Amino acid sequence: PEVLRLVRRLVAYERRRAGAFLGGTIPEA
């Protein structure tokens, strides 16, 4: 769970970064 939590933080940052670059948001589920 701890490793997956760190992975999801990195991926969440990429979602925000890519969404901001493309002019939108990338949802997570």
ModelCIF file with pLDDT and N, C-alpha, C, O atoms, coordinates in Angstrom:
data_MODEL
#
_entry.id   MODEL 
#
_entity.id                         1 
_entity.type                       polymer 
_entity.pdbx_number_of_molecules   1 
#
_entity_poly.entity_id                      1 
_entity_poly.type                           'polypeptide(L)' 
_entity_poly.nstd_linkage                   no 
_entity_poly.nstd_monomer                   no 
_entity_poly.pdbx_seq_one_letter_code       PEVLRLVRRLVAYERRRAGAFLGGTIPEA 
_entity_poly.pdbx_seq_one_letter_code_can   PEVLRLVRRLVAYERRRAGAFLGGTIPEA 
_entity_poly.pdbx_strand_id                 A 
#
loop_
_entity_poly_seq.entity_id 
_entity_poly_seq.num 
_entity_poly_seq.mon_id 
_entity_poly_seq.hetero 
1 1  PRO n 
1 2  GLU n 
1 3  VAL n 
1 4  LEU n 
1 5  ARG n 
1 6  LEU n 
1 7  VAL n 
1 8  ARG n 
1 9  ARG n 
1 10 LEU n 
1 11 VAL n 
1 12 ALA n 
1 13 TYR n 
1 14 GLU n 
1 15 ARG n 
1 16 ARG n 
1 17 ARG n 
1 18 ALA n 
1 19 GLY n 
1 20 ALA n 
1 21 PHE n 
1 22 LEU n 
1 23 GLY n 
1 24 GLY n 
1 25 THR n 
1 26 ILE n 
1 27 PRO n 
1 28 GLU n 
1 29 ALA n 
#
_struct_asym.id          A 
_struct_asym.entity_id   1 
#
loop_
_ma_qa_metric.id 
_ma_qa_metric.mode 
_ma_qa_metric.name 
_ma_qa_metric.software_group_id 
_ma_qa_metric.type 
1 global pLDDT . pLDDT 
2 local  pLDDT . pLDDT 
#
_ma_qa_metric_global.metric_id      1 
_ma_qa_metric_global.metric_value   83.83 
_ma_qa_metric_global.model_id       1 
_ma_qa_metric_global.ordinal_id     1 
#
loop_
_ma_qa_metric_local.label_asym_id 
_ma_qa_metric_local.label_comp_id 
_ma_qa_metric_local.label_seq_id 
_ma_qa_metric_local.metric_id 
_ma_qa_metric_local.metric_value 
_ma_qa_metric_local.model_id 
_ma_qa_metric_local.ordinal_id 
A PRO 1  2 78.00 1 1  
A GLU 2  2 81.00 1 2  
A VAL 3  2 84.00 1 3  
A LEU 4  2 83.00 1 4  
A ARG 5  2 84.00 1 5  
A LEU 6  2 87.00 1 6  
A VAL 7  2 86.00 1 7  
A ARG 8  2 86.00 1 8  
A ARG 9  2 88.00 1 9  
A LEU 10 2 89.00 1 10 
A VAL 11 2 88.00 1 11 
A ALA 12 2 87.00 1 12 
A TYR 13 2 89.00 1 13 
A GLU 14 2 89.00 1 14 
A ARG 15 2 88.00 1 15 
A ARG 16 2 88.00 1 16 
A ARG 17 2 88.00 1 17 
A ALA 18 2 88.00 1 18 
A GLY 19 2 86.00 1 19 
A ALA 20 2 86.00 1 20 
A PHE 21 2 86.00 1 21 
A LEU 22 2 85.00 1 22 
A GLY 23 2 82.00 1 23 
A GLY 24 2 77.00 1 24 
A THR 25 2 79.00 1 25 
A ILE 26 2 78.00 1 26 
A PRO 27 2 77.00 1 27 
A GLU 28 2 74.00 1 28 
A ALA 29 2 70.00 1 29 
#
loop_
_atom_site.group_PDB 
_atom_site.id 
_atom_site.type_symbol 
_atom_site.label_atom_id 
_atom_site.label_alt_id 
_atom_site.label_comp_id 
_atom_site.label_asym_id 
_atom_site.label_entity_id 
_atom_site.label_seq_id 
_atom_site.pdbx_PDB_ins_code 
_atom_site.Cartn_x 
_atom_site.Cartn_y 
_atom_site.Cartn_z 
_atom_site.occupancy 
_atom_site.B_iso_or_equiv 
_atom_site.pdbx_formal_charge 
_atom_site.auth_seq_id 
_atom_site.auth_comp_id 
_atom_site.auth_asym_id 
_atom_site.auth_atom_id 
_atom_site.pdbx_PDB_model_num 
ATOM 1   N N  . PRO A 1 1  ? 0.813   -1.229 0.000   1.00 78.00 ? 1  PRO A N  1 
ATOM 2   C CA . PRO A 1 1  ? 0.000   0.000  0.000   1.00 78.00 ? 1  PRO A CA 1 
ATOM 3   C C  . PRO A 1 1  ? 0.836   1.266  0.000   1.00 78.00 ? 1  PRO A C  1 
ATOM 4   O O  . PRO A 1 1  ? 0.469   2.250  -0.642  1.00 78.00 ? 1  PRO A O  1 
ATOM 5   N N  . GLU A 1 2  ? 1.969   1.256  0.719   1.00 81.00 ? 2  GLU A N  1 
ATOM 6   C CA . GLU A 1 2  ? 2.801   2.456  0.779   1.00 81.00 ? 2  GLU A CA 1 
ATOM 7   C C  . GLU A 1 2  ? 3.446   2.745  -0.568  1.00 81.00 ? 2  GLU A C  1 
ATOM 8   O O  . GLU A 1 2  ? 3.490   3.896  -1.003  1.00 81.00 ? 2  GLU A O  1 
ATOM 9   N N  . VAL A 1 3  ? 3.945   1.707  -1.230  1.00 84.00 ? 3  VAL A N  1 
ATOM 10  C CA . VAL A 1 3  ? 4.563   1.911  -2.547  1.00 84.00 ? 3  VAL A CA 1 
ATOM 11  C C  . VAL A 1 3  ? 3.525   2.386  -3.554  1.00 84.00 ? 3  VAL A C  1 
ATOM 12  O O  . VAL A 1 3  ? 3.792   3.285  -4.352  1.00 84.00 ? 3  VAL A O  1 
ATOM 13  N N  . LEU A 1 4  ? 2.350   1.787  -3.517  1.00 83.00 ? 4  LEU A N  1 
ATOM 14  C CA . LEU A 1 4  ? 1.297   2.220  -4.436  1.00 83.00 ? 4  LEU A CA 1 
ATOM 15  C C  . LEU A 1 4  ? 0.868   3.652  -4.146  1.00 83.00 ? 4  LEU A C  1 
ATOM 16  O O  . LEU A 1 4  ? 0.515   4.392  -5.064  1.00 83.00 ? 4  LEU A O  1 
ATOM 17  N N  . ARG A 1 5  ? 0.895   4.046  -2.873  1.00 84.00 ? 5  ARG A N  1 
ATOM 18  C CA . ARG A 1 5  ? 0.539   5.425  -2.536  1.00 84.00 ? 5  ARG A CA 1 
ATOM 19  C C  . ARG A 1 5  ? 1.540   6.405  -3.142  1.00 84.00 ? 5  ARG A C  1 
ATOM 20  O O  . ARG A 1 5  ? 1.158   7.455  -3.659  1.00 84.00 ? 5  ARG A O  1 
ATOM 21  N N  . LEU A 1 6  ? 2.828   6.053  -3.074  1.00 87.00 ? 6  LEU A N  1 
ATOM 22  C CA . LEU A 1 6  ? 3.845   6.913  -3.675  1.00 87.00 ? 6  LEU A CA 1 
ATOM 23  C C  . LEU A 1 6  ? 3.710   6.949  -5.190  1.00 87.00 ? 6  LEU A C  1 
ATOM 24  O O  . LEU A 1 6  ? 3.868   8.002  -5.808  1.00 87.00 ? 6  LEU A O  1 
ATOM 25  N N  . VAL A 1 7  ? 3.416   5.789  -5.793  1.00 86.00 ? 7  VAL A N  1 
ATOM 26  C CA . VAL A 1 7  ? 3.228   5.743  -7.240  1.00 86.00 ? 7  VAL A CA 1 
ATOM 27  C C  . VAL A 1 7  ? 2.051   6.618  -7.637  1.00 86.00 ? 7  VAL A C  1 
ATOM 28  O O  . VAL A 1 7  ? 2.124   7.348  -8.626  1.00 86.00 ? 7  VAL A O  1 
ATOM 29  N N  . ARG A 1 8  ? 0.979   6.551  -6.881  1.00 86.00 ? 8  ARG A N  1 
ATOM 30  C CA . ARG A 1 8  ? -0.208  7.335  -7.230  1.00 86.00 ? 8  ARG A CA 1 
ATOM 31  C C  . ARG A 1 8  ? 0.027   8.824  -7.061  1.00 86.00 ? 8  ARG A C  1 
ATOM 32  O O  . ARG A 1 8  ? -0.566  9.628  -7.780  1.00 86.00 ? 8  ARG A O  1 
ATOM 33  N N  . ARG A 1 9  ? 0.875   9.199  -6.130  1.00 88.00 ? 9  ARG A N  1 
ATOM 34  C CA . ARG A 1 9  ? 1.218   10.617 -6.015  1.00 88.00 ? 9  ARG A CA 1 
ATOM 35  C C  . ARG A 1 9  ? 1.940   11.098 -7.268  1.00 88.00 ? 9  ARG A C  1 
ATOM 36  O O  . ARG A 1 9  ? 1.636   12.167 -7.798  1.00 88.00 ? 9  ARG A O  1 
ATOM 37  N N  . LEU A 1 10 ? 2.895   10.303 -7.737  1.00 89.00 ? 10 LEU A N  1 
ATOM 38  C CA . LEU A 1 10 ? 3.609   10.667 -8.955  1.00 89.00 ? 10 LEU A CA 1 
ATOM 39  C C  . LEU A 1 10 ? 2.663   10.720 -10.145 1.00 89.00 ? 10 LEU A C  1 
ATOM 40  O O  . LEU A 1 10 ? 2.727   11.647 -10.953 1.00 89.00 ? 10 LEU A O  1 
ATOM 41  N N  . VAL A 1 11 ? 1.789   9.730  -10.253 1.00 88.00 ? 11 VAL A N  1 
ATOM 42  C CA . VAL A 1 11 ? 0.849   9.689  -11.369 1.00 88.00 ? 11 VAL A CA 1 
ATOM 43  C C  . VAL A 1 11 ? -0.158  10.826 -11.263 1.00 88.00 ? 11 VAL A C  1 
ATOM 44  O O  . VAL A 1 11 ? -0.539  11.411 -12.277 1.00 88.00 ? 11 VAL A O  1 
ATOM 45  N N  . ALA A 1 12 ? -0.593  11.146 -10.046 1.00 87.00 ? 12 ALA A N  1 
ATOM 46  C CA . ALA A 1 12 ? -1.531  12.255 -9.867  1.00 87.00 ? 12 ALA A CA 1 
ATOM 47  C C  . ALA A 1 12 ? -0.894  13.571 -10.309 1.00 87.00 ? 12 ALA A C  1 
ATOM 48  O O  . ALA A 1 12 ? -1.556  14.415 -10.913 1.00 87.00 ? 12 ALA A O  1 
ATOM 49  N N  . TYR A 1 13 ? 0.395   13.743 -10.006 1.00 89.00 ? 13 TYR A N  1 
ATOM 50  C CA . TYR A 1 13 ? 1.095   14.947 -10.476 1.00 89.00 ? 13 TYR A CA 1 
ATOM 51  C C  . TYR A 1 13 ? 1.119   14.996 -11.999 1.00 89.00 ? 13 TYR A C  1 
ATOM 52  O O  . TYR A 1 13 ? 0.935   16.058 -12.592 1.00 89.00 ? 13 TYR A O  1 
ATOM 53  N N  . GLU A 1 14 ? 1.345   13.855 -12.626 1.00 89.00 ? 14 GLU A N  1 
ATOM 54  C CA . GLU A 1 14 ? 1.361   13.815 -14.090 1.00 89.00 ? 14 GLU A CA 1 
ATOM 55  C C  . GLU A 1 14 ? -0.024  14.106 -14.652 1.00 89.00 ? 14 GLU A C  1 
ATOM 56  O O  . GLU A 1 14 ? -0.148  14.772 -15.679 1.00 89.00 ? 14 GLU A O  1 
ATOM 57  N N  . ARG A 1 15 ? -1.070  13.612 -13.986 1.00 88.00 ? 15 ARG A N  1 
ATOM 58  C CA . ARG A 1 15 ? -2.429  13.928 -14.439 1.00 88.00 ? 15 ARG A CA 1 
ATOM 59  C C  . ARG A 1 15 ? -2.673  15.442 -14.416 1.00 88.00 ? 15 ARG A C  1 
ATOM 60  O O  . ARG A 1 15 ? -3.188  16.019 -15.373 1.00 88.00 ? 15 ARG A O  1 
ATOM 61  N N  . ARG A 1 16 ? -2.293  16.060 -13.311 1.00 88.00 ? 16 ARG A N  1 
ATOM 62  C CA . ARG A 1 16 ? -2.499  17.511 -13.219 1.00 88.00 ? 16 ARG A CA 1 
ATOM 63  C C  . ARG A 1 16 ? -1.674  18.248 -14.260 1.00 88.00 ? 16 ARG A C  1 
ATOM 64  O O  . ARG A 1 16 ? -2.151  19.198 -14.882 1.00 88.00 ? 16 ARG A O  1 
ATOM 65  N N  . ARG A 1 17 ? -0.442  17.812 -14.447 1.00 88.00 ? 17 ARG A N  1 
ATOM 66  C CA . ARG A 1 17 ? 0.456   18.481 -15.386 1.00 88.00 ? 17 ARG A CA 1 
ATOM 67  C C  . ARG A 1 17 ? -0.042  18.336 -16.820 1.00 88.00 ? 17 ARG A C  1 
ATOM 68  O O  . ARG A 1 17 ? -0.099  19.315 -17.564 1.00 88.00 ? 17 ARG A O  1 
ATOM 69  N N  . ALA A 1 18 ? -0.402  17.121 -17.204 1.00 88.00 ? 18 ALA A N  1 
ATOM 70  C CA . ALA A 1 18 ? -0.894  16.891 -18.561 1.00 88.00 ? 18 ALA A CA 1 
ATOM 71  C C  . ALA A 1 18 ? -2.233  17.591 -18.784 1.00 88.00 ? 18 ALA A C  1 
ATOM 72  O O  . ALA A 1 18 ? -2.474  18.165 -19.846 1.00 88.00 ? 18 ALA A O  1 
ATOM 73  N N  . GLY A 1 19 ? -3.109  17.537 -17.764 1.00 86.00 ? 19 GLY A N  1 
ATOM 74  C CA . GLY A 1 19 ? -4.395  18.211 -17.898 1.00 86.00 ? 19 GLY A CA 1 
ATOM 75  C C  . GLY A 1 19 ? -4.238  19.710 -18.068 1.00 86.00 ? 19 GLY A C  1 
ATOM 76  O O  . GLY A 1 19 ? -4.916  20.320 -18.894 1.00 86.00 ? 19 GLY A O  1 
ATOM 77  N N  . ALA A 1 20 ? -3.338  20.311 -17.282 1.00 86.00 ? 20 ALA A N  1 
ATOM 78  C CA . ALA A 1 20 ? -3.107  21.750 -17.412 1.00 86.00 ? 20 ALA A CA 1 
ATOM 79  C C  . ALA A 1 20 ? -2.522  22.099 -18.778 1.00 86.00 ? 20 ALA A C  1 
ATOM 80  O O  . ALA A 1 20 ? -2.875  23.127 -19.355 1.00 86.00 ? 20 ALA A O  1 
ATOM 81  N N  . PHE A 1 21 ? -1.635  21.257 -19.297 1.00 86.00 ? 21 PHE A N  1 
ATOM 82  C CA . PHE A 1 21 ? -1.020  21.531 -20.606 1.00 86.00 ? 21 PHE A CA 1 
ATOM 83  C C  . PHE A 1 21 ? -2.059  21.434 -21.717 1.00 86.00 ? 21 PHE A C  1 
ATOM 84  O O  . PHE A 1 21 ? -2.027  22.216 -22.667 1.00 86.00 ? 21 PHE A O  1 
ATOM 85  N N  . LEU A 1 22 ? -2.977  20.481 -21.601 1.00 85.00 ? 22 LEU A N  1 
ATOM 86  C CA . LEU A 1 22 ? -3.986  20.281 -22.632 1.00 85.00 ? 22 LEU A CA 1 
ATOM 87  C C  . LEU A 1 22 ? -5.215  21.150 -22.425 1.00 85.00 ? 22 LEU A C  1 
ATOM 88  O O  . LEU A 1 22 ? -6.099  21.196 -23.281 1.00 85.00 ? 22 LEU A O  1 
ATOM 89  N N  . GLY A 1 23 ? -5.272  21.844 -21.284 1.00 82.00 ? 23 GLY A N  1 
ATOM 90  C CA . GLY A 1 23 ? -6.408  22.708 -21.031 1.00 82.00 ? 23 GLY A CA 1 
ATOM 91  C C  . GLY A 1 23 ? -7.625  21.979 -20.514 1.00 82.00 ? 23 GLY A C  1 
ATOM 92  O O  . GLY A 1 23 ? -8.735  22.211 -20.992 1.00 82.00 ? 23 GLY A O  1 
ATOM 93  N N  . GLY A 1 24 ? -7.439  21.117 -19.562 1.00 77.00 ? 24 GLY A N  1 
ATOM 94  C CA . GLY A 1 24 ? -8.562  20.368 -18.991 1.00 77.00 ? 24 GLY A CA 1 
ATOM 95  C C  . GLY A 1 24 ? -8.107  19.628 -17.752 1.00 77.00 ? 24 GLY A C  1 
ATOM 96  O O  . GLY A 1 24 ? -7.063  19.945 -17.183 1.00 77.00 ? 24 GLY A O  1 
ATOM 97  N N  . THR A 1 25 ? -8.879  18.649 -17.333 1.00 79.00 ? 25 THR A N  1 
ATOM 98  C CA . THR A 1 25 ? -8.526  17.816 -16.187 1.00 79.00 ? 25 THR A CA 1 
ATOM 99  C C  . THR A 1 25 ? -8.605  16.348 -16.597 1.00 79.00 ? 25 THR A C  1 
ATOM 100 O O  . THR A 1 25 ? -9.395  15.969 -17.461 1.00 79.00 ? 25 THR A O  1 
ATOM 101 N N  . ILE A 1 26 ? -7.777  15.542 -15.965 1.00 78.00 ? 26 ILE A N  1 
ATOM 102 C CA . ILE A 1 26 ? -7.790  14.102 -16.196 1.00 78.00 ? 26 ILE A CA 1 
ATOM 103 C C  . ILE A 1 26 ? -8.309  13.454 -14.918 1.00 78.00 ? 26 ILE A C  1 
ATOM 104 O O  . ILE A 1 26 ? -7.613  13.477 -13.903 1.00 78.00 ? 26 ILE A O  1 
ATOM 105 N N  . PRO A 1 27 ? -9.496  12.882 -14.934 1.00 77.00 ? 27 PRO A N  1 
ATOM 106 C CA . PRO A 1 27 ? -10.064 12.305 -13.711 1.00 77.00 ? 27 PRO A CA 1 
ATOM 107 C C  . PRO A 1 27 ? -9.320  11.034 -13.314 1.00 77.00 ? 27 PRO A C  1 
ATOM 108 O O  . PRO A 1 27 ? -8.677  10.386 -14.140 1.00 77.00 ? 27 PRO A O  1 
ATOM 109 N N  . GLU A 1 28 ? -9.420  10.700 -12.051 1.00 74.00 ? 28 GLU A N  1 
ATOM 110 C CA . GLU A 1 28 ? -8.864  9.437  -11.562 1.00 74.00 ? 28 GLU A CA 1 
ATOM 111 C C  . GLU A 1 28 ? -9.976  8.639  -10.907 1.00 74.00 ? 28 GLU A C  1 
ATOM 112 O O  . GLU A 1 28 ? -10.912 9.197  -10.335 1.00 74.00 ? 28 GLU A O  1 
ATOM 113 N N  . ALA A 1 29 ? -9.856  7.339  -11.000 1.00 70.00 ? 29 ALA A N  1 
ATOM 114 C CA . ALA A 1 29 ? -10.900 6.466  -10.438 1.00 70.00 ? 29 ALA A CA 1 
ATOM 115 C C  . ALA A 1 29 ? -10.230 5.242  -9.832  1.00 70.00 ? 29 ALA A C  1 
ATOM 116 O O  . ALA A 1 29 ? -10.911 4.366  -9.300  1.00 70.00 ? 29 ALA A O  1 
#
